[in-house]
Amino acid sequence: MEDCLFCKIINQEIPSNKVYEDEEIIAFEDISPQAPTHIQVIPKQHIARIYDVDDSTSHLVGKMTQVANKIAKEQDLLDGYRLVINCNPGAGQTVFHIHLHLLGGRTFKWPPG
């Protein structure tokens, strides 16, 4: 998708501070962190919203979670961290390429926002 910010990061048209990459997933530091650790975990395949995940792409959501857990362990976040996927503007989605926020390094409250 040519106007997608995350596709541009995947294609190295926009720099990022990568913390993980394999053939299907990339993870990088958020440029506007909402916690001491704030990492975006995204599939390389463009999928606009979590609502758009289907049988052919559902494995990517599981892999995103596995990658987030691996990063959380590497970054010593095992006291607690939050994984968030927003869907559509009403939930706060601003980049329309599914992404999982890995947030950690501080205590979180409930309910969120």
PDB file of N, CA and C in Angstrom:
ATOM      1  N   MET A   1       0.863  -1.182   0.000  1.00  0.00           N
ATOM      2  CA  MET A   1       0.000   0.000   0.000  1.00  0.00           C
ATOM      3  C   MET A   1       0.900   1.232   0.000  1.00  0.00           C
ATOM      4  N   GLU A   2       0.820   2.039  -1.007  1.00  0.00           N
ATOM      5  CA  GLU A   2       1.828   3.078  -1.161  1.00  0.00           C
ATOM      6  C   GLU A   2       1.715   4.238  -0.190  1.00  0.00           C
ATOM      7  N   ASP A   3       0.545   4.533   0.366  1.00  0.00           N
ATOM      8  CA  ASP A   3       0.414   5.642   1.313  1.00  0.00           C
ATOM      9  C   ASP A   3       0.499   5.196   2.777  1.00  0.00           C
ATOM     10  N   CYS A   4       0.745   3.943   3.022  1.00  0.00           N
ATOM     11  CA  CYS A   4       0.745   3.403   4.381  1.00  0.00           C
ATOM     12  C   CYS A   4       2.085   3.660   5.068  1.00  0.00           C
ATOM     13  N   LEU A   5       2.027   4.348   6.197  1.00  0.00           N
ATOM     14  CA  LEU A   5       3.230   4.651   6.969  1.00  0.00           C
ATOM     15  C   LEU A   5       3.992   3.383   7.339  1.00  0.00           C
ATOM     16  N   PHE A   6       3.295   2.354   7.809  1.00  0.00           N
ATOM     17  CA  PHE A   6       3.977   1.140   8.236  1.00  0.00           C
ATOM     18  C   PHE A   6       4.547   0.361   7.051  1.00  0.00           C
ATOM     19  N   CYS A   7       3.875   0.391   5.913  1.00  0.00           N
ATOM     20  CA  CYS A   7       4.451  -0.244   4.718  1.00  0.00           C
ATOM     21  C   CYS A   7       5.742   0.464   4.313  1.00  0.00           C
ATOM     22  N   LYS A   8       5.775   1.771   4.478  1.00  0.00           N
ATOM     23  CA  LYS A   8       6.998   2.530   4.172  1.00  0.00           C
ATOM     24  C   LYS A   8       8.124   2.151   5.133  1.00  0.00           C
ATOM     25  N   ILE A   9       7.807   1.906   6.387  1.00  0.00           N
ATOM     26  CA  ILE A   9       8.817   1.442   7.350  1.00  0.00           C
ATOM     27  C   ILE A   9       9.290   0.050   6.962  1.00  0.00           C
ATOM     28  N   ILE A  10       8.376  -0.833   6.620  1.00  0.00           N
ATOM     29  CA  ILE A  10       8.735  -2.195   6.192  1.00  0.00           C
ATOM     30  C   ILE A  10       9.671  -2.138   4.989  1.00  0.00           C
ATOM     31  N   ASN A  11       9.375  -1.249   4.043  1.00  0.00           N
ATOM     32  CA  ASN A  11      10.175  -1.125   2.820  1.00  0.00           C
ATOM     33  C   ASN A  11      11.411  -0.248   2.990  1.00  0.00           C
ATOM     34  N   GLN A  12      11.672   0.173   4.221  1.00  0.00           N
ATOM     35  CA  GLN A  12      12.829   0.992   4.579  1.00  0.00           C
ATOM     36  C   GLN A  12      12.845   2.341   3.867  1.00  0.00           C
ATOM     37  N   GLU A  13      11.678   2.838   3.528  1.00  0.00           N
ATOM     38  CA  GLU A  13      11.554   4.185   2.970  1.00  0.00           C
ATOM     39  C   GLU A  13      11.550   5.216   4.088  1.00  0.00           C
ATOM     40  N   ILE A  14      11.170   4.785   5.285  1.00  0.00           N
ATOM     41  CA  ILE A  14      11.171   5.611   6.493  1.00  0.00           C
ATOM     42  C   ILE A  14      11.986   4.850   7.528  1.00  0.00           C
ATOM     43  N   PRO A  15      12.947   5.527   8.189  1.00  0.00           N
ATOM     44  CA  PRO A  15      13.762   4.821   9.184  1.00  0.00           C
ATOM     45  C   PRO A  15      12.959   4.477  10.441  1.00  0.00           C
ATOM     46  N   SER A  16      13.403   3.439  11.127  1.00  0.00           N
ATOM     47  CA  SER A  16      12.799   3.046  12.397  1.00  0.00           C
ATOM     48  C   SER A  16      13.879   2.424  13.271  1.00  0.00           C
ATOM     49  N   ASN A  17      13.603   2.372  14.559  1.00  0.00           N
ATOM     50  CA  ASN A  17      14.485   1.678  15.500  1.00  0.00           C
ATOM     51  C   ASN A  17      13.936   0.276  15.683  1.00  0.00           C
ATOM     52  N   LYS A  18      14.363  -0.629  14.797  1.00  0.00           N
ATOM     53  CA  LYS A  18      13.872  -2.010  14.813  1.00  0.00           C
ATOM     54  C   LYS A  18      14.389  -2.754  16.030  1.00  0.00           C
ATOM     55  N   VAL A  19      13.511  -3.555  16.614  1.00  0.00           N
ATOM     56  CA  VAL A  19      13.915  -4.433  17.701  1.00  0.00           C
ATOM     57  C   VAL A  19      13.737  -5.899  17.317  1.00  0.00           C
ATOM     58  N   TYR A  20      13.045  -6.158  16.190  1.00  0.00           N
ATOM     59  CA  TYR A  20      12.828  -7.527  15.742  1.00  0.00           C
ATOM     60  C   TYR A  20      12.435  -7.493  14.269  1.00  0.00           C
ATOM     61  N   GLU A  21      12.865  -8.524  13.540  1.00  0.00           N
ATOM     62  CA  GLU A  21      12.395  -8.694  12.170  1.00  0.00           C
ATOM     63  C   GLU A  21      12.611 -10.133  11.746  1.00  0.00           C
ATOM     64  N   ASP A  22      11.606 -10.688  11.063  1.00  0.00           N
ATOM     65  CA  ASP A  22      11.734 -11.975  10.393  1.00  0.00           C
ATOM     66  C   ASP A  22      10.997 -11.867   9.062  1.00  0.00           C
ATOM     67  N   GLU A  23      10.696 -12.975   8.427  1.00  0.00           N
ATOM     68  CA  GLU A  23      10.088 -12.933   7.096  1.00  0.00           C
ATOM     69  C   GLU A  23       8.646 -12.426   7.113  1.00  0.00           C
ATOM     70  N   GLU A  24       7.959 -12.482   8.264  1.00  0.00           N
ATOM     71  CA  GLU A  24       6.546 -12.095   8.320  1.00  0.00           C
ATOM     72  C   GLU A  24       6.241 -10.900   9.217  1.00  0.00           C
ATOM     73  N   ILE A  25       7.104 -10.641  10.184  1.00  0.00           N
ATOM     74  CA  ILE A  25       6.809  -9.663  11.241  1.00  0.00           C
ATOM     75  C   ILE A  25       7.985  -8.708  11.402  1.00  0.00           C
ATOM     76  N   ILE A  26       7.672  -7.465  11.742  1.00  0.00           N
ATOM     77  CA  ILE A  26       8.688  -6.490  12.116  1.00  0.00           C
ATOM     78  C   ILE A  26       8.194  -5.784  13.383  1.00  0.00           C
ATOM     79  N   ALA A  27       9.120  -5.409  14.243  1.00  0.00           N
ATOM     80  CA  ALA A  27       8.782  -4.672  15.464  1.00  0.00           C
ATOM     81  C   ALA A  27       9.772  -3.529  15.604  1.00  0.00           C
ATOM     82  N   PHE A  28       9.247  -2.385  16.019  1.00  0.00           N
ATOM     83  CA  PHE A  28      10.085  -1.195  16.145  1.00  0.00           C
ATOM     84  C   PHE A  28       9.543  -0.292  17.244  1.00  0.00           C
ATOM     85  N   GLU A  29      10.403   0.581  17.745  1.00  0.00           N
ATOM     86  CA  GLU A  29      10.017   1.511  18.800  1.00  0.00           C
ATOM     87  C   GLU A  29       9.028   2.540  18.254  1.00  0.00           C
ATOM     88  N   ASP A  30       8.005   2.842  19.045  1.00  0.00           N
ATOM     89  CA  ASP A  30       7.026   3.859  18.679  1.00  0.00           C
ATOM     90  C   ASP A  30       7.679   5.239  18.734  1.00  0.00           C
ATOM     91  N   ILE A  31       7.367   6.101  17.771  1.00  0.00           N
ATOM     92  CA  ILE A  31       7.985   7.433  17.755  1.00  0.00           C
ATOM     93  C   ILE A  31       7.325   8.397  18.739  1.00  0.00           C
ATOM     94  N   SER A  32       6.177   8.025  19.269  1.00  0.00           N
ATOM     95  CA  SER A  32       5.484   8.837  20.265  1.00  0.00           C
ATOM     96  C   SER A  32       5.065   7.927  21.421  1.00  0.00           C
ATOM     97  N   PRO A  33       6.039   7.457  22.207  1.00  0.00           N
ATOM     98  CA  PRO A  33       5.753   6.419  23.212  1.00  0.00           C
ATOM     99  C   PRO A  33       4.778   6.871  24.290  1.00  0.00           C
ATOM    100  N   GLN A  34       3.893   5.947  24.645  1.00  0.00           N
ATOM    101  CA  GLN A  34       2.914   6.168  25.697  1.00  0.00           C
ATOM    102  C   GLN A  34       3.292   5.454  26.993  1.00  0.00           C
ATOM    103  N   ALA A  35       4.477   4.867  27.020  1.00  0.00           N
ATOM    104  CA  ALA A  35       5.019   4.180  28.194  1.00  0.00           C
ATOM    105  C   ALA A  35       6.529   4.131  27.999  1.00  0.00           C
ATOM    106  N   PRO A  36       7.291   3.859  29.049  1.00  0.00           N
ATOM    107  CA  PRO A  36       8.745   3.770  28.890  1.00  0.00           C
ATOM    108  C   PRO A  36       9.167   2.791  27.788  1.00  0.00           C
ATOM    109  N   THR A  37       8.445   1.697  27.658  1.00  0.00           N
ATOM    110  CA  THR A  37       8.630   0.789  26.521  1.00  0.00           C
ATOM    111  C   THR A  37       7.344   0.819  25.709  1.00  0.00           C
ATOM    112  N   HIS A  38       7.473   1.181  24.442  1.00  0.00           N
ATOM    113  CA  HIS A  38       6.309   1.201  23.547  1.00  0.00           C
ATOM    114  C   HIS A  38       6.799   0.764  22.183  1.00  0.00           C
ATOM    115  N   ILE A  39       6.453  -0.468  21.831  1.00  0.00           N
ATOM    116  CA  ILE A  39       6.924  -1.093  20.599  1.00  0.00           C
ATOM    117  C   ILE A  39       5.726  -1.455  19.740  1.00  0.00           C
ATOM    118  N   GLN A  40       5.839  -1.204  18.457  1.00  0.00           N
ATOM    119  CA  GLN A  40       4.825  -1.614  17.490  1.00  0.00           C
ATOM    120  C   GLN A  40       5.251  -2.947  16.891  1.00  0.00           C
ATOM    121  N   VAL A  41       4.361  -3.914  16.905  1.00  0.00           N
ATOM    122  CA  VAL A  41       4.616  -5.221  16.299  1.00  0.00           C
ATOM    123  C   VAL A  41       3.610  -5.353  15.156  1.00  0.00           C
ATOM    124  N   ILE A  42       4.131  -5.508  13.920  1.00  0.00           N
ATOM    125  CA  ILE A  42       3.241  -5.499  12.758  1.00  0.00           C
ATOM    126  C   ILE A  42       3.599  -6.619  11.785  1.00  0.00           C
ATOM    127  N   PRO A  43       2.590  -7.084  11.053  1.00  0.00           N
ATOM    128  CA  PRO A  43       2.892  -8.033   9.980  1.00  0.00           C
ATOM    129  C   PRO A  43       3.430  -7.261   8.775  1.00  0.00           C
ATOM    130  N   LYS A  44       4.271  -7.892   8.015  1.00  0.00           N
ATOM    131  CA  LYS A  44       4.765  -7.265   6.790  1.00  0.00           C
ATOM    132  C   LYS A  44       3.678  -7.213   5.720  1.00  0.00           C
ATOM    133  N   GLN A  45       2.744  -8.138   5.783  1.00  0.00           N
ATOM    134  CA  GLN A  45       1.614  -8.122   4.856  1.00  0.00           C
ATOM    135  C   GLN A  45       0.658  -7.011   5.280  1.00  0.00           C
ATOM    136  N   HIS A  46       0.253  -6.185   4.340  1.00  0.00           N
ATOM    137  CA  HIS A  46      -0.670  -5.092   4.660  1.00  0.00           C
ATOM    138  C   HIS A  46      -2.068  -5.642   4.904  1.00  0.00           C
ATOM    139  N   ILE A  47      -2.555  -5.418   6.110  1.00  0.00           N
ATOM    140  CA  ILE A  47      -3.938  -5.711   6.496  1.00  0.00           C
ATOM    141  C   ILE A  47      -4.396  -4.450   7.219  1.00  0.00           C
ATOM    142  N   ALA A  48      -5.428  -3.806   6.739  1.00  0.00           N
ATOM    143  CA  ALA A  48      -5.807  -2.493   7.252  1.00  0.00           C
ATOM    144  C   ALA A  48      -6.249  -2.505   8.717  1.00  0.00           C
ATOM    145  N   ARG A  49      -7.126  -3.428   9.077  1.00  0.00           N
ATOM    146  CA  ARG A  49      -7.694  -3.460  10.434  1.00  0.00           C
ATOM    147  C   ARG A  49      -7.735  -4.888  10.948  1.00  0.00           C
ATOM    148  N   ILE A  50      -7.763  -5.053  12.241  1.00  0.00           N
ATOM    149  CA  ILE A  50      -7.893  -6.389  12.823  1.00  0.00           C
ATOM    150  C   ILE A  50      -9.199  -7.026  12.338  1.00  0.00           C
ATOM    151  N   TYR A  51     -10.195  -6.208  12.067  1.00  0.00           N
ATOM    152  CA  TYR A  51     -11.470  -6.680  11.527  1.00  0.00           C
ATOM    153  C   TYR A  51     -11.297  -7.376  10.177  1.00  0.00           C
ATOM    154  N   ASP A  52     -10.238  -7.043   9.451  1.00  0.00           N
ATOM    155  CA  ASP A  52      -9.994  -7.598   8.127  1.00  0.00           C
ATOM    156  C   ASP A  52      -9.216  -8.917   8.145  1.00  0.00           C
ATOM    157  N   VAL A  53      -8.806  -9.384   9.306  1.00  0.00           N
ATOM    158  CA  VAL A  53      -8.094 -10.659   9.406  1.00  0.00           C
ATOM    159  C   VAL A  53      -9.061 -11.782   9.049  1.00  0.00           C
ATOM    160  N   ASP A  54      -8.578 -12.714   8.228  1.00  0.00           N
ATOM    161  CA  ASP A  54      -9.414 -13.848   7.819  1.00  0.00           C
ATOM    162  C   ASP A  54      -8.616 -15.148   7.980  1.00  0.00           C
ATOM    163  N   ASP A  55      -9.166 -16.234   7.476  1.00  0.00           N
ATOM    164  CA  ASP A  55      -8.505 -17.529   7.633  1.00  0.00           C
ATOM    165  C   ASP A  55      -7.088 -17.541   7.059  1.00  0.00           C
ATOM    166  N   SER A  56      -6.858 -16.794   6.004  1.00  0.00           N
ATOM    167  CA  SER A  56      -5.533 -16.817   5.375  1.00  0.00           C
ATOM    168  C   SER A  56      -4.512 -15.961   6.103  1.00  0.00           C
ATOM    169  N   THR A  57      -4.961 -15.078   7.005  1.00  0.00           N
ATOM    170  CA  THR A  57      -4.029 -14.175   7.699  1.00  0.00           C
ATOM    171  C   THR A  57      -4.070 -14.294   9.225  1.00  0.00           C
ATOM    172  N   SER A  58      -4.967 -15.120   9.754  1.00  0.00           N
ATOM    173  CA  SER A  58      -5.114 -15.187  11.216  1.00  0.00           C
ATOM    174  C   SER A  58      -3.848 -15.661  11.923  1.00  0.00           C
ATOM    175  N   HIS A  59      -3.021 -16.463  11.261  1.00  0.00           N
ATOM    176  CA  HIS A  59      -1.782 -16.916  11.889  1.00  0.00           C
ATOM    177  C   HIS A  59      -0.863 -15.742  12.216  1.00  0.00           C
ATOM    178  N   LEU A  60      -0.982 -14.639  11.489  1.00  0.00           N
ATOM    179  CA  LEU A  60      -0.124 -13.479  11.735  1.00  0.00           C
ATOM    180  C   LEU A  60      -0.419 -12.836  13.087  1.00  0.00           C
ATOM    181  N   VAL A  61      -1.666 -12.863  13.518  1.00  0.00           N
ATOM    182  CA  VAL A  61      -2.021 -12.294  14.823  1.00  0.00           C
ATOM    183  C   VAL A  61      -1.369 -13.107  15.939  1.00  0.00           C
ATOM    184  N   GLY A  62      -1.395 -14.425  15.814  1.00  0.00           N
ATOM    185  CA  GLY A  62      -0.711 -15.277  16.790  1.00  0.00           C
ATOM    186  C   GLY A  62       0.781 -15.023  16.797  1.00  0.00           C
ATOM    187  N   LYS A  63       1.354 -14.867  15.624  1.00  0.00           N
ATOM    188  CA  LYS A  63       2.794 -14.621  15.544  1.00  0.00           C
ATOM    189  C   LYS A  63       3.146 -13.251  16.114  1.00  0.00           C
ATOM    190  N   MET A  64       2.292 -12.250  15.887  1.00  0.00           N
ATOM    191  CA  MET A  64       2.528 -10.930  16.486  1.00  0.00           C
ATOM    192  C   MET A  64       2.586 -11.043  18.010  1.00  0.00           C
ATOM    193  N   THR A  65       1.686 -11.828  18.575  1.00  0.00           N
ATOM    194  CA  THR A  65       1.657 -12.021  20.026  1.00  0.00           C
ATOM    195  C   THR A  65       2.919 -12.736  20.507  1.00  0.00           C
ATOM    196  N   GLN A  66       3.336 -13.763  19.790  1.00  0.00           N
ATOM    197  CA  GLN A  66       4.560 -14.478  20.158  1.00  0.00           C
ATOM    198  C   GLN A  66       5.766 -13.548  20.121  1.00  0.00           C
ATOM    199  N   VAL A  67       5.857 -12.720  19.097  1.00  0.00           N
ATOM    200  CA  VAL A  67       6.979 -11.780  18.984  1.00  0.00           C
ATOM    201  C   VAL A  67       6.926 -10.777  20.129  1.00  0.00           C
ATOM    202  N   ALA A  68       5.741 -10.256  20.440  1.00  0.00           N
ATOM    203  CA  ALA A  68       5.614  -9.309  21.550  1.00  0.00           C
ATOM    204  C   ALA A  68       6.061  -9.947  22.862  1.00  0.00           C
ATOM    205  N   ASN A  69       5.679 -11.191  23.103  1.00  0.00           N
ATOM    206  CA  ASN A  69       6.092 -11.883  24.326  1.00  0.00           C
ATOM    207  C   ASN A  69       7.603 -12.067  24.380  1.00  0.00           C
ATOM    208  N   LYS A  70       8.215 -12.380  23.248  1.00  0.00           N
ATOM    209  CA  LYS A  70       9.669 -12.534  23.178  1.00  0.00           C
ATOM    210  C   LYS A  70      10.360 -11.215  23.498  1.00  0.00           C
ATOM    211  N   ILE A  71       9.874 -10.139  22.919  1.00  0.00           N
ATOM    212  CA  ILE A  71      10.463  -8.818  23.172  1.00  0.00           C
ATOM    213  C   ILE A  71      10.273  -8.425  24.635  1.00  0.00           C
ATOM    214  N   ALA A  72       9.092  -8.688  25.198  1.00  0.00           N
ATOM    215  CA  ALA A  72       8.829  -8.366  26.604  1.00  0.00           C
ATOM    216  C   ALA A  72       9.822  -9.076  27.511  1.00  0.00           C
ATOM    217  N   LYS A  73      10.110 -10.324  27.218  1.00  0.00           N
ATOM    218  CA  LYS A  73      11.086 -11.071  28.008  1.00  0.00           C
ATOM    219  C   LYS A  73      12.475 -10.461  27.845  1.00  0.00           C
ATOM    220  N   GLU A  74      12.864 -10.172  26.611  1.00  0.00           N
ATOM    221  CA  GLU A  74      14.188  -9.577  26.347  1.00  0.00           C
ATOM    222  C   GLU A  74      14.346  -8.222  27.025  1.00  0.00           C
ATOM    223  N   GLN A  75      13.253  -7.471  27.147  1.00  0.00           N
ATOM    224  CA  GLN A  75      13.310  -6.135  27.731  1.00  0.00           C
ATOM    225  C   GLN A  75      12.937  -6.128  29.213  1.00  0.00           C
ATOM    226  N   ASP A  76      12.884  -7.330  29.812  1.00  0.00           N
ATOM    227  CA  ASP A  76      12.637  -7.486  31.242  1.00  0.00           C
ATOM    228  C   ASP A  76      11.335  -6.809  31.690  1.00  0.00           C
ATOM    229  N   LEU A  77      10.268  -7.069  30.948  1.00  0.00           N
ATOM    230  CA  LEU A  77       8.964  -6.497  31.266  1.00  0.00           C
ATOM    231  C   LEU A  77       8.039  -7.500  31.943  1.00  0.00           C
ATOM    232  N   LEU A  78       8.591  -8.582  32.473  1.00  0.00           N
ATOM    233  CA  LEU A  78       7.751  -9.668  32.961  1.00  0.00           C
ATOM    234  C   LEU A  78       6.985  -9.339  34.244  1.00  0.00           C
ATOM    235  N   ASP A  79       7.260  -8.188  34.872  1.00  0.00           N
ATOM    236  CA  ASP A  79       6.423  -7.738  35.987  1.00  0.00           C
ATOM    237  C   ASP A  79       5.040  -7.347  35.499  1.00  0.00           C
ATOM    238  N   GLY A  80       4.959  -6.966  34.234  1.00  0.00           N
ATOM    239  CA  GLY A  80       3.679  -6.607  33.652  1.00  0.00           C
ATOM    240  C   GLY A  80       3.855  -5.788  32.394  1.00  0.00           C
ATOM    241  N   TYR A  81       3.039  -6.110  31.405  1.00  0.00           N
ATOM    242  CA  TYR A  81       3.015  -5.339  30.173  1.00  0.00           C
ATOM    243  C   TYR A  81       1.629  -5.458  29.572  1.00  0.00           C
ATOM    244  N   ARG A  82       1.344  -4.574  28.641  1.00  0.00           N
ATOM    245  CA  ARG A  82       0.032  -4.548  28.009  1.00  0.00           C
ATOM    246  C   ARG A  82       0.196  -4.707  26.507  1.00  0.00           C
ATOM    247  N   LEU A  83      -0.688  -5.501  25.912  1.00  0.00           N
ATOM    248  CA  LEU A  83      -0.762  -5.653  24.464  1.00  0.00           C
ATOM    249  C   LEU A  83      -2.088  -5.070  24.013  1.00  0.00           C
ATOM    250  N   VAL A  84      -2.041  -4.176  23.015  1.00  0.00           N
ATOM    251  CA  VAL A  84      -3.246  -3.485  22.567  1.00  0.00           C
ATOM    252  C   VAL A  84      -3.313  -3.503  21.046  1.00  0.00           C
ATOM    253  N   ILE A  85      -4.491  -3.830  20.517  1.00  0.00           N
ATOM    254  CA  ILE A  85      -4.780  -3.667  19.096  1.00  0.00           C
ATOM    255  C   ILE A  85      -6.053  -2.832  19.005  1.00  0.00           C
ATOM    256  N   ASN A  86      -5.958  -1.678  18.359  1.00  0.00           N
ATOM    257  CA  ASN A  86      -7.117  -0.812  18.153  1.00  0.00           C
ATOM    258  C   ASN A  86      -7.722  -1.108  16.783  1.00  0.00           C
ATOM    259  N   CYS A  87      -9.039  -0.973  16.685  1.00  0.00           N
ATOM    260  CA  CYS A  87      -9.729  -1.211  15.411  1.00  0.00           C
ATOM    261  C   CYS A  87     -10.644  -0.021  15.098  1.00  0.00           C
ATOM    262  N   ASN A  88     -10.260   0.717  14.090  1.00  0.00           N
ATOM    263  CA  ASN A  88     -11.016   1.859  13.579  1.00  0.00           C
ATOM    264  C   ASN A  88     -10.841   3.106  14.459  1.00  0.00           C
ATOM    265  N   PRO A  89     -11.167   4.265  13.911  1.00  0.00           N
ATOM    266  CA  PRO A  89     -10.925   5.527  14.615  1.00  0.00           C
ATOM    267  C   PRO A  89     -11.592   5.630  15.982  1.00  0.00           C
ATOM    268  N   GLY A  90     -12.775   5.059  16.143  1.00  0.00           N
ATOM    269  CA  GLY A  90     -13.467   5.135  17.422  1.00  0.00           C
ATOM    270  C   GLY A  90     -12.706   4.472  18.559  1.00  0.00           C
ATOM    271  N   ALA A  91     -11.810   3.547  18.224  1.00  0.00           N
ATOM    272  CA  ALA A  91     -10.986   2.871  19.233  1.00  0.00           C
ATOM    273  C   ALA A  91      -9.572   3.437  19.278  1.00  0.00           C
ATOM    274  N   GLY A  92      -9.287   4.437  18.438  1.00  0.00           N
ATOM    275  CA  GLY A  92      -7.971   5.065  18.468  1.00  0.00           C
ATOM    276  C   GLY A  92      -7.018   4.642  17.365  1.00  0.00           C
ATOM    277  N   GLN A  93      -7.481   3.847  16.393  1.00  0.00           N
ATOM    278  CA  GLN A  93      -6.589   3.451  15.305  1.00  0.00           C
ATOM    279  C   GLN A  93      -6.350   4.652  14.396  1.00  0.00           C
ATOM    280  N   THR A  94      -5.067   4.990  14.194  1.00  0.00           N
ATOM    281  CA  THR A  94      -4.709   6.118  13.329  1.00  0.00           C
ATOM    282  C   THR A  94      -3.908   5.677  12.114  1.00  0.00           C
ATOM    283  N   VAL A  95      -3.240   4.531  12.189  1.00  0.00           N
ATOM    284  CA  VAL A  95      -2.519   3.971  11.045  1.00  0.00           C
ATOM    285  C   VAL A  95      -3.271   2.711  10.642  1.00  0.00           C
ATOM    286  N   PHE A  96      -3.716   2.672   9.395  1.00  0.00           N
ATOM    287  CA  PHE A  96      -4.546   1.560   8.946  1.00  0.00           C
ATOM    288  C   PHE A  96      -3.703   0.452   8.313  1.00  0.00           C
ATOM    289  N   HIS A  97      -2.940  -0.167   9.201  1.00  0.00           N
ATOM    290  CA  HIS A  97      -2.142  -1.381   8.972  1.00  0.00           C
ATOM    291  C   HIS A  97      -2.119  -2.008  10.362  1.00  0.00           C
ATOM    292  N   ILE A  98      -2.670  -3.218  10.504  1.00  0.00           N
ATOM    293  CA  ILE A  98      -2.806  -3.752  11.864  1.00  0.00           C
ATOM    294  C   ILE A  98      -1.466  -3.714  12.590  1.00  0.00           C
ATOM    295  N   HIS A  99      -1.564  -3.380  13.851  1.00  0.00           N
ATOM    296  CA  HIS A  99      -0.361  -3.300  14.685  1.00  0.00           C
ATOM    297  C   HIS A  99      -0.736  -3.571  16.136  1.00  0.00           C
ATOM    298  N   LEU A 100       0.168  -4.223  16.795  1.00  0.00           N
ATOM    299  CA  LEU A 100       0.002  -4.563  18.199  1.00  0.00           C
ATOM    300  C   LEU A 100       0.955  -3.672  18.981  1.00  0.00           C
ATOM    301  N   HIS A 101       0.410  -2.914  19.925  1.00  0.00           N
ATOM    302  CA  HIS A 101       1.226  -2.073  20.795  1.00  0.00           C
ATOM    303  C   HIS A 101       1.705  -2.935  21.963  1.00  0.00           C
ATOM    304  N   LEU A 102       2.988  -2.993  22.182  1.00  0.00           N
ATOM    305  CA  LEU A 102       3.573  -3.594  23.378  1.00  0.00           C
ATOM    306  C   LEU A 102       3.972  -2.438  24.280  1.00  0.00           C
ATOM    307  N   LEU A 103       3.301  -2.333  25.420  1.00  0.00           N
ATOM    308  CA  LEU A 103       3.532  -1.242  26.372  1.00  0.00           C
ATOM    309  C   LEU A 103       4.016  -1.823  27.687  1.00  0.00           C
ATOM    310  N   GLY A 104       5.047  -1.214  28.246  1.00  0.00           N
ATOM    311  CA  GLY A 104       5.558  -1.696  29.528  1.00  0.00           C
ATOM    312  C   GLY A 104       6.464  -0.673  30.181  1.00  0.00           C
ATOM    313  N   GLY A 105       6.959  -1.052  31.347  1.00  0.00           N
ATOM    314  CA  GLY A 105       7.888  -0.189  32.059  1.00  0.00           C
ATOM    315  C   GLY A 105       7.229   0.750  33.045  1.00  0.00           C
ATOM    316  N   ARG A 106       5.919   0.648  33.210  1.00  0.00           N
ATOM    317  CA  ARG A 106       5.200   1.430  34.211  1.00  0.00           C
ATOM    318  C   ARG A 106       3.953   0.650  34.614  1.00  0.00           C
ATOM    319  N   THR A 107       3.316   1.088  35.682  1.00  0.00           N
ATOM    320  CA  THR A 107       2.081   0.469  36.136  1.00  0.00           C
ATOM    321  C   THR A 107       0.918   1.037  35.327  1.00  0.00           C
ATOM    322  N   PHE A 108       0.031   0.169  34.876  1.00  0.00           N
ATOM    323  CA  PHE A 108      -1.129   0.576  34.101  1.00  0.00           C
ATOM    324  C   PHE A 108      -2.368   0.512  34.959  1.00  0.00           C
ATOM    325  N   LYS A 109      -3.318   1.344  34.659  1.00  0.00           N
ATOM    326  CA  LYS A 109      -4.589   1.385  35.388  1.00  0.00           C
ATOM    327  C   LYS A 109      -5.665   0.705  34.570  1.00  0.00           C
ATOM    328  N   TRP A 110      -6.765   0.352  35.240  1.00  0.00           N
ATOM    329  CA  TRP A 110      -7.915  -0.208  34.560  1.00  0.00           C
ATOM    330  C   TRP A 110      -9.156   0.473  35.063  1.00  0.00           C
ATOM    331  N   PRO A 111     -10.082   0.859  34.262  1.00  0.00           N
ATOM    332  CA  PRO A 111     -10.101   0.655  32.829  1.00  0.00           C
ATOM    333  C   PRO A 111      -9.193   1.658  32.110  1.00  0.00           C
ATOM    334  N   PRO A 112      -8.704   1.267  30.917  1.00  0.00           N
ATOM    335  CA  PRO A 112      -7.851   2.190  30.155  1.00  0.00           C
ATOM    336  C   PRO A 112      -8.708   3.291  29.536  1.00  0.00           C
ATOM    337  N   GLY A 113      -8.058   4.401  29.178  1.00  0.00           N
ATOM    338  CA  GLY A 113      -8.637   5.529  28.430  1.00  0.00           C
ATOM    339  C   GLY A 113     -10.091   5.616  28.536  1.00  0.00           C
TER     340      GLY A 113
END
